[in-house]
Structures are given as C-alpha cells and as structure tokens.
Amino acid sequence: MLYENLLRYRSGRYFWWALALVAVCVGVFVTHGRAEPPNGGTWQGYTLGTIGALLIVWLTWLGIRKRSYSSTAGTVRGWTSAHVYLGTACLIIGSLHSAMQFGWNVHTFAYILMCLVIFSGFFGLYVYINHPRTLSDNRLGGSRESLFGELYDLNERGLTLGRQCSSEVQQGVTSSIERTAVGGGVWAQLSARDASLISVDGGKPVPHPDQQLAIDFVAHLIPRAEKAQEVVALEELLSVLCRRQTILRRLRKDIQLQGWMQIWLYVHVPMTIALIGALIVHIITTFFYW
C-alpha cells in the first residue's frame, strides 16, 4: 500500500512537476534551428544536459535521505514519489540532450547506464507495488518466524509418528525431514527451487521436490496396513506431511518474494554509482575536449 500511495502522493504532485519539467525541456529542444542539427553541443544541448545532470545528482540523494531519520527536508514518501516521477522525466531529458545521437564513446556509455538505472528502478517499483500484498497473503497475516515455528513442530510430530510405524516408514520420514532444503543460493531463492532429497530403504538419496515422494509413499501404505493402530498412525503422519508440504511451499514463496524485493537493488545501486562516475567523465571530456 505504501508504494501505491506514493504514486498518488499529494494528488500526484510530482507527476505534474515532472510533466512540467519535460514540457519545458521539449520547448528548449524545439528551438533548434535548421543551421545546426540538434545535438548535445548546442546551447540547447548544454542546457538540457545541465538539467539532466543536476537531476541525476538529486535523485541519488534519496538513499541518503532515507537514512537521515532526523531530517526535516520533506517526508521519505514524498522524496520517493518525486524520485519515481523525476527519474522517469530524466529518461526523456537525457534523450533530448543526446538528440539520440550515439557512438562508441563515454557519452553513449553514460546514456546506457542512465537507462539501466531507470529501468531497474521501474522493475523495483513494480516489485514493491505487487509483492508486499502477495507476501502478506502468503503468510496469512503472520510472519516468516511463525512459519518456521510451525515447520519445527511438524518435524517433531512427523519424527514421533514415524517411530510408531515400521522401520521402513521411519527411515523414509526421517530422511525426508533431515534432507529438506529451504532457501539456498541466490538463484535457488529467486526461483523457489526445491533441492530437497530423500532416501528410502537405505538407498541413494534422490531428488525430493515438494515433498511429494514421502506423501505418496505413506499414502500408498495406508490401505495395506494390517493393524488399526498402524492405520491411525499412518493417517496422522500423512496429515502432518501434507501440512508440512503447505508450510514449505509458503516458506519458499516467502523467501522468493523477499528476494525479488531486494535483488534489484544489487543492480540499481551499483549502476547508479557507475552512472555518477560516467557522468563526471562525460562532463569533463565535453568541456575540455569537445
């Protein structure tokens, strides 16, 4: 809700600011005469470039403002709303500044970095608008800690029930629980990949995605059980394994959503730093060698 509200912050104040700024910049751009084609070296190009450079520097200040808890320079929500709209405007202003004339040089490199930063920001905005609600729904209003707590209890119940069954069942259930994998490397988290394993009858561990083999194994044994006590234990064990499967699905989804909410920053922030460096080189080379 926070990131939906920031787009409508103060009735979309910064949308109109950005729109007005773009309109001014387009007005500057169209003053190019026929004698000299539009490019970054005209007075219009310098003006647009200066506006774009100042805008980029201001946009990078958001990270500092978010950590300045005692600052009175506006709210973080307001700064973030302005960041979104003025960052979008920067894409248009930068394009007008370059007049879409590109080559194998630092100027084009700076433009490409700017585009990467802005589009990674678009992706981050999409993630932050959509994922928090999905994250909350997936947790059913609870927390990741509560999901892990329930998983721990289910593991203990599963191991206890397994000991009440045959050695074959006990070994399979124990292997399933002990070899369950949650999370993992970056790609495993982002893809919610299940790298769990299971070993049945003392055999070689095999992939155990979504805990389905253990569930099918126990369900297959219930009709074959000869004692009523064993049937009850197997049915309760099956219920535990199914609930455990549901919790593991939610945990992996939770980790996946949280990962996507953070991973884009590992592109956005370094690219922003690189952009500032390329912008400095662009400015220096423009004034001294252009």
C-alpha atoms as a PDB file:
ATOM      1  CA  MET A   1       0.000   0.000   0.000  1.00  0.00           C
ATOM      2  CA  LEU A   2       2.870   2.372   0.769  1.00  0.00           C
ATOM      3  CA  TYR A   3       4.210   2.230  -2.782  1.00  0.00           C
ATOM      4  CA  GLU A   4       0.760   2.539  -4.324  1.00  0.00           C
ATOM      5  CA  ASN A   5       0.154   5.627  -2.207  1.00  0.00           C
ATOM      6  CA  LEU A   6       3.460   7.228  -3.145  1.00  0.00           C
ATOM      7  CA  LEU A   7       2.361   7.342  -6.792  1.00  0.00           C
ATOM      8  CA  ARG A   8      -0.645   9.369  -5.658  1.00  0.00           C
ATOM      9  CA  TYR A   9       1.250  11.377  -3.073  1.00  0.00           C
ATOM     10  CA  ARG A  10      -0.330  14.816  -2.613  1.00  0.00           C
ATOM     11  CA  SER A  11      -2.686  14.141  -5.538  1.00  0.00           C
ATOM     12  CA  GLY A  12       0.220  13.222  -7.817  1.00  0.00           C
ATOM     13  CA  ARG A  13       2.104  16.452  -7.137  1.00  0.00           C
ATOM     14  CA  TYR A  14       5.408  15.192  -8.518  1.00  0.00           C
ATOM     15  CA  PHE A  15       3.785  13.739 -11.608  1.00  0.00           C
ATOM     16  CA  TRP A  16       2.745  17.272 -12.545  1.00  0.00           C
ATOM     17  CA  TRP A  17       6.148  18.639 -11.609  1.00  0.00           C
ATOM     18  CA  ALA A  18       7.814  16.063 -13.849  1.00  0.00           C
ATOM     19  CA  LEU A  19       5.351  16.736 -16.650  1.00  0.00           C
ATOM     20  CA  ALA A  20       6.003  20.478 -16.429  1.00  0.00           C
ATOM     21  CA  LEU A  21       9.776  19.924 -16.443  1.00  0.00           C
ATOM     22  CA  VAL A  22       9.534  17.685 -19.505  1.00  0.00           C
ATOM     23  CA  ALA A  23       7.346  20.265 -21.251  1.00  0.00           C
ATOM     24  CA  VAL A  24       9.959  22.977 -20.591  1.00  0.00           C
ATOM     25  CA  CYS A  25      12.754  20.735 -21.864  1.00  0.00           C
ATOM     26  CA  VAL A  26      10.818  19.836 -25.005  1.00  0.00           C
ATOM     27  CA  GLY A  27      10.275  23.573 -25.539  1.00  0.00           C
ATOM     28  CA  VAL A  28      14.029  24.158 -25.278  1.00  0.00           C
ATOM     29  CA  PHE A  29      14.742  21.287 -27.655  1.00  0.00           C
ATOM     30  CA  VAL A  30      12.410  22.512 -30.407  1.00  0.00           C
ATOM     31  CA  THR A  31      14.206  25.869 -30.541  1.00  0.00           C
ATOM     32  CA  HIS A  32      16.978  24.186 -32.533  1.00  0.00           C
ATOM     33  CA  GLY A  33      17.232  25.924 -35.852  1.00  0.00           C
ATOM     34  CA  ARG A  34      17.932  24.477 -39.262  1.00  0.00           C
ATOM     35  CA  ALA A  35      21.509  25.748 -39.360  1.00  0.00           C
ATOM     36  CA  GLU A  36      22.721  23.215 -36.840  1.00  0.00           C
ATOM     37  CA  PRO A  37      21.045  19.868 -36.219  1.00  0.00           C
ATOM     38  CA  PRO A  38      20.050  19.023 -32.612  1.00  0.00           C
ATOM     39  CA  ASN A  39      22.942  17.616 -30.578  1.00  0.00           C
ATOM     40  CA  GLY A  40      24.478  17.825 -27.133  1.00  0.00           C
ATOM     41  CA  GLY A  41      26.928  20.541 -28.202  1.00  0.00           C
ATOM     42  CA  THR A  42      24.418  23.322 -28.873  1.00  0.00           C
ATOM     43  CA  TRP A  43      23.297  25.766 -26.194  1.00  0.00           C
ATOM     44  CA  GLN A  44      20.065  23.793 -26.059  1.00  0.00           C
ATOM     45  CA  GLY A  45      22.048  20.590 -25.611  1.00  0.00           C
ATOM     46  CA  TYR A  46      24.139  22.130 -22.826  1.00  0.00           C
ATOM     47  CA  THR A  47      21.014  23.412 -21.095  1.00  0.00           C
ATOM     48  CA  LEU A  48      19.281  20.049 -21.259  1.00  0.00           C
ATOM     49  CA  GLY A  49      22.463  18.278 -20.187  1.00  0.00           C
ATOM     50  CA  THR A  50      22.842  20.556 -17.162  1.00  0.00           C
ATOM     51  CA  ILE A  51      19.241  19.954 -16.117  1.00  0.00           C
ATOM     52  CA  GLY A  52      19.679  16.197 -16.563  1.00  0.00           C
ATOM     53  CA  ALA A  53      22.968  16.095 -14.630  1.00  0.00           C
ATOM     54  CA  LEU A  54      21.546  18.097 -11.709  1.00  0.00           C
ATOM     55  CA  LEU A  55      18.510  15.842 -11.718  1.00  0.00           C
ATOM     56  CA  ILE A  56      20.645  12.693 -11.580  1.00  0.00           C
ATOM     57  CA  VAL A  57      22.668  14.046  -8.650  1.00  0.00           C
ATOM     58  CA  TRP A  58      19.480  14.940  -6.793  1.00  0.00           C
ATOM     59  CA  LEU A  59      17.944  11.533  -7.494  1.00  0.00           C
ATOM     60  CA  THR A  60      20.934   9.763  -5.945  1.00  0.00           C
ATOM     61  CA  TRP A  61      20.332  11.735  -2.757  1.00  0.00           C
ATOM     62  CA  LEU A  62      17.260   9.609  -1.945  1.00  0.00           C
ATOM     63  CA  GLY A  63      19.425   6.871  -0.438  1.00  0.00           C
ATOM     64  CA  ILE A  64      20.943   9.391   1.962  1.00  0.00           C
ATOM     65  CA  ARG A  65      17.585  10.985   2.780  1.00  0.00           C
ATOM     66  CA  LYS A  66      16.060   7.587   3.636  1.00  0.00           C
ATOM     67  CA  ARG A  67      18.707   7.129   6.323  1.00  0.00           C
ATOM     68  CA  SER A  68      18.522  10.677   7.693  1.00  0.00           C
ATOM     69  CA  TYR A  69      15.853   9.957  10.277  1.00  0.00           C
ATOM     70  CA  SER A  70      16.084  13.380  11.916  1.00  0.00           C
ATOM     71  CA  SER A  71      15.888  15.307   8.643  1.00  0.00           C
ATOM     72  CA  THR A  72      13.065  17.806   8.210  1.00  0.00           C
ATOM     73  CA  ALA A  73      13.580  18.134   4.427  1.00  0.00           C
ATOM     74  CA  GLY A  74      10.276  16.558   3.493  1.00  0.00           C
ATOM     75  CA  THR A  75       8.979  13.052   4.106  1.00  0.00           C
ATOM     76  CA  VAL A  76      10.597   9.901   2.763  1.00  0.00           C
ATOM     77  CA  ARG A  77       7.337   9.100   0.962  1.00  0.00           C
ATOM     78  CA  GLY A  78       7.401  12.479  -0.739  1.00  0.00           C
ATOM     79  CA  TRP A  79      11.049  12.074  -1.731  1.00  0.00           C
ATOM     80  CA  THR A  80      10.346   8.611  -3.104  1.00  0.00           C
ATOM     81  CA  SER A  81       7.353   9.839  -5.096  1.00  0.00           C
ATOM     82  CA  ALA A  82       9.483  12.615  -6.580  1.00  0.00           C
ATOM     83  CA  HIS A  83      12.246  10.076  -7.228  1.00  0.00           C
ATOM     84  CA  VAL A  84       9.892   7.932  -9.318  1.00  0.00           C
ATOM     85  CA  TYR A  85       8.409  10.706 -11.431  1.00  0.00           C
ATOM     86  CA  LEU A  86      11.508  12.863 -11.852  1.00  0.00           C
ATOM     87  CA  GLY A  87      13.577   9.761 -12.565  1.00  0.00           C
ATOM     88  CA  THR A  88      11.174   8.947 -15.389  1.00  0.00           C
ATOM     89  CA  ALA A  89      11.462  12.529 -16.628  1.00  0.00           C
ATOM     90  CA  CYS A  90      15.256  12.149 -16.590  1.00  0.00           C
ATOM     91  CA  LEU A  91      14.967   9.435 -19.245  1.00  0.00           C
ATOM     92  CA  ILE A  92      13.222  11.874 -21.586  1.00  0.00           C
ATOM     93  CA  ILE A  93      15.527  14.786 -20.755  1.00  0.00           C
ATOM     94  CA  GLY A  94      18.631  12.656 -21.295  1.00  0.00           C
ATOM     95  CA  SER A  95      17.293  11.521 -24.657  1.00  0.00           C
ATOM     96  CA  LEU A  96      16.597  15.107 -25.690  1.00  0.00           C
ATOM     97  CA  HIS A  97      20.089  16.136 -24.573  1.00  0.00           C
ATOM     98  CA  SER A  98      21.716  13.475 -26.744  1.00  0.00           C
ATOM     99  CA  ALA A  99      19.254  14.060 -29.599  1.00  0.00           C
ATOM    100  CA  MET A 100      19.503  10.258 -29.934  1.00  0.00           C
ATOM    101  CA  GLN A 101      22.975  10.555 -31.498  1.00  0.00           C
ATOM    102  CA  PHE A 102      25.069   7.645 -30.263  1.00  0.00           C
ATOM    103  CA  GLY A 103      28.521   6.225 -30.861  1.00  0.00           C
ATOM    104  CA  TRP A 104      31.252   4.146 -29.272  1.00  0.00           C
ATOM    105  CA  ASN A 105      32.197   6.703 -26.642  1.00  0.00           C
ATOM    106  CA  VAL A 106      31.807   7.600 -22.978  1.00  0.00           C
ATOM    107  CA  HIS A 107      28.823   9.844 -23.747  1.00  0.00           C
ATOM    108  CA  THR A 108      26.778   6.941 -25.084  1.00  0.00           C
ATOM    109  CA  PHE A 109      28.037   4.766 -22.226  1.00  0.00           C
ATOM    110  CA  ALA A 110      26.701   7.299 -19.720  1.00  0.00           C
ATOM    111  CA  TYR A 111      23.346   7.303 -21.516  1.00  0.00           C
ATOM    112  CA  ILE A 112      23.158   3.499 -21.435  1.00  0.00           C
ATOM    113  CA  LEU A 113      23.960   3.449 -17.724  1.00  0.00           C
ATOM    114  CA  MET A 114      21.251   6.046 -17.131  1.00  0.00           C
ATOM    115  CA  CYS A 115      18.733   3.852 -18.955  1.00  0.00           C
ATOM    116  CA  LEU A 116      19.795   0.775 -16.960  1.00  0.00           C
ATOM    117  CA  VAL A 117      19.404   2.651 -13.683  1.00  0.00           C
ATOM    118  CA  ILE A 118      15.973   3.991 -14.622  1.00  0.00           C
ATOM    119  CA  PHE A 119      14.617   0.703 -15.954  1.00  0.00           C
ATOM    120  CA  SER A 120      15.924  -1.206 -12.931  1.00  0.00           C
ATOM    121  CA  GLY A 121      14.051   1.410 -10.894  1.00  0.00           C
ATOM    122  CA  PHE A 122      10.886   0.630 -12.866  1.00  0.00           C
ATOM    123  CA  PHE A 123      11.345  -3.040 -12.025  1.00  0.00           C
ATOM    124  CA  GLY A 124      11.890  -2.207  -8.357  1.00  0.00           C
ATOM    125  CA  LEU A 125       8.725  -0.099  -8.308  1.00  0.00           C
ATOM    126  CA  TYR A 126       6.745  -2.957  -9.863  1.00  0.00           C
ATOM    127  CA  VAL A 127       8.097  -5.384  -7.260  1.00  0.00           C
ATOM    128  CA  TYR A 128       7.343  -3.094  -4.339  1.00  0.00           C
ATOM    129  CA  ILE A 129       3.815  -2.380  -5.562  1.00  0.00           C
ATOM    130  CA  ASN A 130       2.857  -6.017  -6.133  1.00  0.00           C
ATOM    131  CA  HIS A 131       4.915  -8.176  -3.794  1.00  0.00           C
ATOM    132  CA  PRO A 132       4.102  -6.805  -0.309  1.00  0.00           C
ATOM    133  CA  ARG A 133       0.417  -7.729  -0.637  1.00  0.00           C
ATOM    134  CA  THR A 134       1.304 -11.142  -2.056  1.00  0.00           C
ATOM    135  CA  LEU A 135       3.833 -11.593   0.746  1.00  0.00           C
ATOM    136  CA  SER A 136       1.216 -10.809   3.385  1.00  0.00           C
ATOM    137  CA  ASP A 137      -1.362 -13.103   1.773  1.00  0.00           C
ATOM    138  CA  ASN A 138       1.179 -15.912   1.581  1.00  0.00           C
ATOM    139  CA  ARG A 139       1.948 -15.555   5.310  1.00  0.00           C
ATOM    140  CA  LEU A 140      -1.791 -15.355   6.124  1.00  0.00           C
ATOM    141  CA  GLY A 141      -1.090 -12.269   8.183  1.00  0.00           C
ATOM    142  CA  GLY A 142       1.655 -13.976  10.174  1.00  0.00           C
ATOM    143  CA  SER A 143       5.440 -13.836   9.903  1.00  0.00           C
ATOM    144  CA  ARG A 144       8.229 -15.944   8.477  1.00  0.00           C
ATOM    145  CA  GLU A 145       9.260 -16.823  12.036  1.00  0.00           C
ATOM    146  CA  SER A 146       5.803 -18.268  12.715  1.00  0.00           C
ATOM    147  CA  LEU A 147       6.046 -20.395   9.563  1.00  0.00           C
ATOM    148  CA  PHE A 148       9.414 -21.761  10.654  1.00  0.00           C
ATOM    149  CA  GLY A 149       7.995 -22.359  14.127  1.00  0.00           C
ATOM    150  CA  GLU A 150       5.144 -24.426  12.721  1.00  0.00           C
ATOM    151  CA  LEU A 151       7.562 -26.307  10.467  1.00  0.00           C
ATOM    152  CA  TYR A 152       9.690 -27.208  13.507  1.00  0.00           C
ATOM    153  CA  ASP A 153       6.613 -28.531  15.355  1.00  0.00           C
ATOM    154  CA  LEU A 154       5.535 -30.548  12.312  1.00  0.00           C
ATOM    155  CA  ASN A 155       9.027 -32.032  12.002  1.00  0.00           C
ATOM    156  CA  GLU A 156       8.914 -33.168  15.628  1.00  0.00           C
ATOM    157  CA  ARG A 157       5.437 -34.676  15.210  1.00  0.00           C
ATOM    158  CA  GLY A 158       6.484 -36.387  11.999  1.00  0.00           C
ATOM    159  CA  LEU A 159       9.546 -37.962  13.610  1.00  0.00           C
ATOM    160  CA  THR A 160       7.454 -39.117  16.595  1.00  0.00           C
ATOM    161  CA  LEU A 161       4.773 -40.670  14.390  1.00  0.00           C
ATOM    162  CA  GLY A 162       7.428 -42.253  12.193  1.00  0.00           C
ATOM    163  CA  ARG A 163       8.795 -44.137  15.197  1.00  0.00           C
ATOM    164  CA  GLN A 164       5.339 -45.615  15.729  1.00  0.00           C
ATOM    165  CA  CYS A 165       5.368 -47.160  12.257  1.00  0.00           C
ATOM    166  CA  SER A 166       7.584 -49.711  10.528  1.00  0.00           C
ATOM    167  CA  SER A 167      11.319 -49.162  10.214  1.00  0.00           C
ATOM    168  CA  GLU A 168      10.799 -48.542   6.505  1.00  0.00           C
ATOM    169  CA  VAL A 169       8.412 -45.677   7.190  1.00  0.00           C
ATOM    170  CA  GLN A 170      10.569 -44.294   9.986  1.00  0.00           C
ATOM    171  CA  GLN A 171      13.657 -44.263   7.788  1.00  0.00           C
ATOM    172  CA  GLY A 172      11.829 -42.580   4.900  1.00  0.00           C
ATOM    173  CA  VAL A 173      10.204 -39.904   7.065  1.00  0.00           C
ATOM    174  CA  THR A 174      13.434 -39.185   8.930  1.00  0.00           C
ATOM    175  CA  SER A 175      15.348 -38.894   5.656  1.00  0.00           C
ATOM    176  CA  SER A 176      12.676 -36.616   4.199  1.00  0.00           C
ATOM    177  CA  ILE A 177      12.768 -34.247   7.176  1.00  0.00           C
ATOM    178  CA  GLU A 178      16.531 -34.196   7.637  1.00  0.00           C
ATOM    179  CA  ARG A 179      17.245 -33.653   3.942  1.00  0.00           C
ATOM    180  CA  THR A 180      14.677 -30.890   3.414  1.00  0.00           C
ATOM    181  CA  ALA A 181      16.253 -27.805   1.865  1.00  0.00           C
ATOM    182  CA  VAL A 182      14.833 -24.302   2.241  1.00  0.00           C
ATOM    183  CA  GLY A 183      16.423 -21.264   0.646  1.00  0.00           C
ATOM    184  CA  GLY A 184      19.980 -21.763  -0.598  1.00  0.00           C
ATOM    185  CA  GLY A 185      21.919 -19.658  -3.088  1.00  0.00           C
ATOM    186  CA  VAL A 186      20.661 -16.558  -4.867  1.00  0.00           C
ATOM    187  CA  TRP A 187      19.117 -18.405  -7.806  1.00  0.00           C
ATOM    188  CA  ALA A 188      17.565 -21.043  -5.528  1.00  0.00           C
ATOM    189  CA  GLN A 189      15.875 -18.284  -3.539  1.00  0.00           C
ATOM    190  CA  LEU A 190      14.672 -16.278  -6.531  1.00  0.00           C
ATOM    191  CA  SER A 191      13.331 -19.349  -8.328  1.00  0.00           C
ATOM    192  CA  ALA A 192      11.985 -21.041  -5.162  1.00  0.00           C
ATOM    193  CA  ARG A 193      13.817 -24.161  -6.291  1.00  0.00           C
ATOM    194  CA  ASP A 194      13.456 -27.165  -4.005  1.00  0.00           C
ATOM    195  CA  ALA A 195      16.750 -29.009  -3.603  1.00  0.00           C
ATOM    196  CA  SER A 196      15.417 -31.465  -1.014  1.00  0.00           C
ATOM    197  CA  LEU A 197      16.452 -35.123  -1.099  1.00  0.00           C
ATOM    198  CA  ILE A 198      15.068 -38.375   0.289  1.00  0.00           C
ATOM    199  CA  SER A 199      16.480 -41.832   0.838  1.00  0.00           C
ATOM    200  CA  VAL A 200      14.092 -44.802   1.033  1.00  0.00           C
ATOM    201  CA  ASP A 201      15.139 -48.299   2.181  1.00  0.00           C
ATOM    202  CA  GLY A 202      18.668 -47.060   2.745  1.00  0.00           C
ATOM    203  CA  GLY A 203      19.153 -46.362  -0.939  1.00  0.00           C
ATOM    204  CA  LYS A 204      20.923 -43.487  -2.596  1.00  0.00           C
ATOM    205  CA  PRO A 205      19.332 -40.081  -1.920  1.00  0.00           C
ATOM    206  CA  VAL A 206      17.146 -38.906  -4.798  1.00  0.00           C
ATOM    207  CA  PRO A 207      15.575 -35.503  -5.538  1.00  0.00           C
ATOM    208  CA  HIS A 208      12.515 -34.860  -3.441  1.00  0.00           C
ATOM    209  CA  PRO A 209      10.743 -31.803  -4.886  1.00  0.00           C
ATOM    210  CA  ASP A 210       7.740 -30.525  -2.947  1.00  0.00           C
ATOM    211  CA  GLN A 211       7.960 -33.490  -0.509  1.00  0.00           C
ATOM    212  CA  GLN A 212       5.637 -35.427  -2.803  1.00  0.00           C
ATOM    213  CA  LEU A 213       7.503 -38.751  -2.714  1.00  0.00           C
ATOM    214  CA  ALA A 214       7.165 -39.035   1.073  1.00  0.00           C
ATOM    215  CA  ILE A 215       3.458 -38.185   0.888  1.00  0.00           C
ATOM    216  CA  ASP A 216       2.821 -40.733  -1.877  1.00  0.00           C
ATOM    217  CA  PHE A 217       4.897 -43.329  -0.018  1.00  0.00           C
ATOM    218  CA  VAL A 218       2.852 -43.034   3.191  1.00  0.00           C
ATOM    219  CA  ALA A 219      -0.490 -42.782   1.345  1.00  0.00           C
ATOM    220  CA  HIS A 220       0.372 -45.979  -0.540  1.00  0.00           C
ATOM    221  CA  LEU A 221       0.944 -47.880   2.720  1.00  0.00           C
ATOM    222  CA  ILE A 222      -2.340 -46.952   4.454  1.00  0.00           C
ATOM    223  CA  PRO A 223      -4.602 -49.436   2.552  1.00  0.00           C
ATOM    224  CA  ARG A 224      -2.007 -52.170   3.157  1.00  0.00           C
ATOM    225  CA  ALA A 225      -1.727 -51.695   6.917  1.00  0.00           C
ATOM    226  CA  GLU A 226      -2.930 -54.720   8.883  1.00  0.00           C
ATOM    227  CA  LYS A 227      -3.386 -53.176  12.344  1.00  0.00           C
ATOM    228  CA  ALA A 228      -5.868 -50.430  13.197  1.00  0.00           C
ATOM    229  CA  GLN A 229      -3.249 -48.682  15.328  1.00  0.00           C
ATOM    230  CA  GLU A 230      -0.869 -48.573  12.390  1.00  0.00           C
ATOM    231  CA  VAL A 231      -3.594 -47.168  10.127  1.00  0.00           C
ATOM    232  CA  VAL A 232      -4.274 -44.390  12.623  1.00  0.00           C
ATOM    233  CA  ALA A 233      -0.550 -43.569  12.893  1.00  0.00           C
ATOM    234  CA  LEU A 234      -0.100 -43.549   9.107  1.00  0.00           C
ATOM    235  CA  GLU A 235      -3.169 -41.376   8.557  1.00  0.00           C
ATOM    236  CA  GLU A 236      -1.967 -38.864  11.151  1.00  0.00           C
ATOM    237  CA  LEU A 237       1.512 -38.966   9.646  1.00  0.00           C
ATOM    238  CA  LEU A 238       0.046 -38.319   6.192  1.00  0.00           C
ATOM    239  CA  SER A 239      -1.840 -35.319   7.567  1.00  0.00           C
ATOM    240  CA  VAL A 240       1.387 -33.970   9.099  1.00  0.00           C
ATOM    241  CA  LEU A 241       3.331 -34.453   5.850  1.00  0.00           C
ATOM    242  CA  CYS A 242       0.629 -32.679   3.807  1.00  0.00           C
ATOM    243  CA  ARG A 243       0.552 -29.754   6.224  1.00  0.00           C
ATOM    244  CA  ARG A 244       4.332 -29.699   6.173  1.00  0.00           C
ATOM    245  CA  GLN A 245       4.255 -29.528   2.370  1.00  0.00           C
ATOM    246  CA  THR A 246       1.956 -26.494   2.554  1.00  0.00           C
ATOM    247  CA  ILE A 247       4.204 -24.696   5.046  1.00  0.00           C
ATOM    248  CA  LEU A 248       7.314 -25.402   2.962  1.00  0.00           C
ATOM    249  CA  ARG A 249       5.586 -24.014  -0.116  1.00  0.00           C
ATOM    250  CA  ARG A 250       4.758 -20.833   1.776  1.00  0.00           C
ATOM    251  CA  LEU A 251       8.280 -20.524   3.130  1.00  0.00           C
ATOM    252  CA  ARG A 252       9.855 -20.869  -0.301  1.00  0.00           C
ATOM    253  CA  LYS A 253       7.374 -18.381  -1.741  1.00  0.00           C
ATOM    254  CA  ASP A 254       8.114 -16.005   1.122  1.00  0.00           C
ATOM    255  CA  ILE A 255      11.863 -16.237   0.528  1.00  0.00           C
ATOM    256  CA  GLN A 256      11.352 -15.825  -3.227  1.00  0.00           C
ATOM    257  CA  LEU A 257       9.214 -12.695  -2.873  1.00  0.00           C
ATOM    258  CA  GLN A 258      11.572 -11.165  -0.327  1.00  0.00           C
ATOM    259  CA  GLY A 259      14.497 -11.949  -2.606  1.00  0.00           C
ATOM    260  CA  TRP A 260      12.929 -10.190  -5.595  1.00  0.00           C
ATOM    261  CA  MET A 261      12.193  -7.188  -3.370  1.00  0.00           C
ATOM    262  CA  GLN A 262      15.900  -6.880  -2.599  1.00  0.00           C
ATOM    263  CA  ILE A 263      17.839  -8.242  -5.588  1.00  0.00           C
ATOM    264  CA  TRP A 264      17.005  -5.330  -7.907  1.00  0.00           C
ATOM    265  CA  LEU A 265      18.925  -3.013  -5.572  1.00  0.00           C
ATOM    266  CA  TYR A 266      22.079  -5.008  -6.310  1.00  0.00           C
ATOM    267  CA  VAL A 267      21.706  -3.748  -9.883  1.00  0.00           C
ATOM    268  CA  HIS A 268      20.203  -0.327  -9.227  1.00  0.00           C
ATOM    269  CA  VAL A 269      22.703   0.931  -6.643  1.00  0.00           C
ATOM    270  CA  PRO A 270      25.981  -0.165  -8.334  1.00  0.00           C
ATOM    271  CA  MET A 271      24.688   1.083 -11.683  1.00  0.00           C
ATOM    272  CA  THR A 272      23.862   4.419 -10.065  1.00  0.00           C
ATOM    273  CA  ILE A 273      27.408   4.718  -8.725  1.00  0.00           C
ATOM    274  CA  ALA A 274      28.782   3.810 -12.147  1.00  0.00           C
ATOM    275  CA  LEU A 275      26.462   6.368 -13.730  1.00  0.00           C
ATOM    276  CA  ILE A 276      27.781   9.142 -11.478  1.00  0.00           C
ATOM    277  CA  GLY A 277      31.347   8.206 -12.474  1.00  0.00           C
ATOM    278  CA  ALA A 278      30.477   8.112 -16.178  1.00  0.00           C
ATOM    279  CA  LEU A 279      28.611  11.411 -15.842  1.00  0.00           C
ATOM    280  CA  ILE A 280      31.689  13.098 -14.363  1.00  0.00           C
ATOM    281  CA  VAL A 281      33.859  11.781 -17.205  1.00  0.00           C
ATOM    282  CA  HIS A 282      31.209  12.844 -19.719  1.00  0.00           C
ATOM    283  CA  ILE A 283      31.166  16.404 -18.347  1.00  0.00           C
ATOM    284  CA  ILE A 284      34.955  16.716 -18.171  1.00  0.00           C
ATOM    285  CA  THR A 285      35.522  15.417 -21.689  1.00  0.00           C
ATOM    286  CA  THR A 286      32.731  17.628 -23.020  1.00  0.00           C
ATOM    287  CA  PHE A 287      34.181  20.870 -21.608  1.00  0.00           C
ATOM    288  CA  PHE A 288      37.846  20.135 -22.235  1.00  0.00           C
ATOM    289  CA  TYR A 289      37.878  18.077 -25.444  1.00  0.00           C
ATOM    290  CA  TRP A 290      34.611  18.767 -27.273  1.00  0.00           C
END
